């Protein structure tokens, strides 16, 4: 299903995907009812991160509000 990239396993590639970050953010938004952002990081093991208050230096990909 996924090709090996930079030695990362297929499971890691799935967990590191933007789609997975969207799923996590959607579930958190349903539970917390507070604005969330998906930000891009420079860490290849965590290229996307979900947070409630991104810093000025974060590269915001998506902002989610309920």
Protein backbone atom coordinates (compact mmCIF):
# COMPACT_ATOMS: atom_id res chain seq x y z
CA UNK A 1 0.00 0.00 0.00
CA UNK A 2 2.76 2.45 0.94
CA UNK A 3 6.30 2.51 -0.37
CA UNK A 4 9.18 2.61 2.10
CA UNK A 5 10.38 6.21 2.36
CA UNK A 6 13.56 7.14 4.23
CA UNK A 7 13.38 3.85 6.13
CA UNK A 8 9.95 4.57 7.62
CA UNK A 9 7.55 1.67 7.97
CA UNK A 10 4.17 1.69 6.21
CA UNK A 11 2.46 2.09 9.61
CA UNK A 12 4.62 5.15 10.42
CA UNK A 13 3.81 6.67 7.03
CA UNK A 14 0.11 6.24 7.79
CA UNK A 15 0.46 7.78 11.24
CA UNK A 16 2.53 10.67 9.86
CA UNK A 17 0.04 11.57 7.15
CA UNK A 18 -1.92 14.79 6.89
CA UNK A 19 -5.10 12.71 6.66
CA UNK A 20 -4.37 11.16 10.05
CA UNK A 21 -3.76 14.61 11.54
CA UNK A 22 -7.17 15.66 10.19
CA UNK A 23 -8.82 12.62 11.81
CA UNK A 24 -7.16 13.30 15.16
CA UNK A 25 -8.11 16.99 15.04
CA UNK A 26 -11.73 16.15 14.15
CA UNK A 27 -12.05 13.78 17.09
CA UNK A 28 -10.50 16.29 19.49
CA UNK A 29 -12.75 19.05 18.16
CA UNK A 30 -15.81 16.87 18.84
CA UNK A 31 -14.65 16.25 22.42
CA UNK A 32 -13.25 19.65 23.38
CA UNK A 33 -15.27 22.15 21.34
CA UNK A 34 -12.32 24.55 21.20
CA UNK A 35 -10.40 25.80 18.15
CA UNK A 36 -7.58 23.55 16.94
CA UNK A 37 -4.82 23.92 14.40
CA UNK A 38 -2.85 21.42 12.38
CA UNK A 39 0.70 22.68 12.02
CA UNK A 40 3.58 21.43 9.91
CA UNK A 41 6.81 20.55 11.73
CA UNK A 42 10.35 19.88 10.53
CA UNK A 43 10.46 16.52 12.35
CA UNK A 44 10.10 13.66 9.83
CA UNK A 45 8.65 11.39 12.54
CA UNK A 46 5.95 13.98 13.32
CA UNK A 47 5.47 16.12 10.21
CA UNK A 48 2.06 17.35 11.41
CA UNK A 49 0.96 18.25 14.92
CA UNK A 50 -2.44 19.15 16.34
CA UNK A 51 -2.43 22.00 18.86
CA UNK A 52 -4.79 24.46 20.51
CA UNK A 53 -2.57 27.53 20.32
CA UNK A 54 0.08 27.55 17.60
CA UNK A 55 3.09 29.79 18.09
CA UNK A 56 3.96 32.61 15.73
CA UNK A 57 6.66 30.43 14.13
CA UNK A 58 4.38 27.41 13.48
CA UNK A 59 3.36 26.80 9.88
CA UNK A 60 -0.41 26.43 10.22
CA UNK A 61 -1.89 24.06 7.62
CA UNK A 62 -5.52 24.00 8.86
CA UNK A 63 -7.54 25.81 11.51
CA UNK A 64 -10.64 24.04 12.83
CA UNK A 65 -13.43 25.67 14.83
CA UNK A 66 -16.79 24.33 15.94
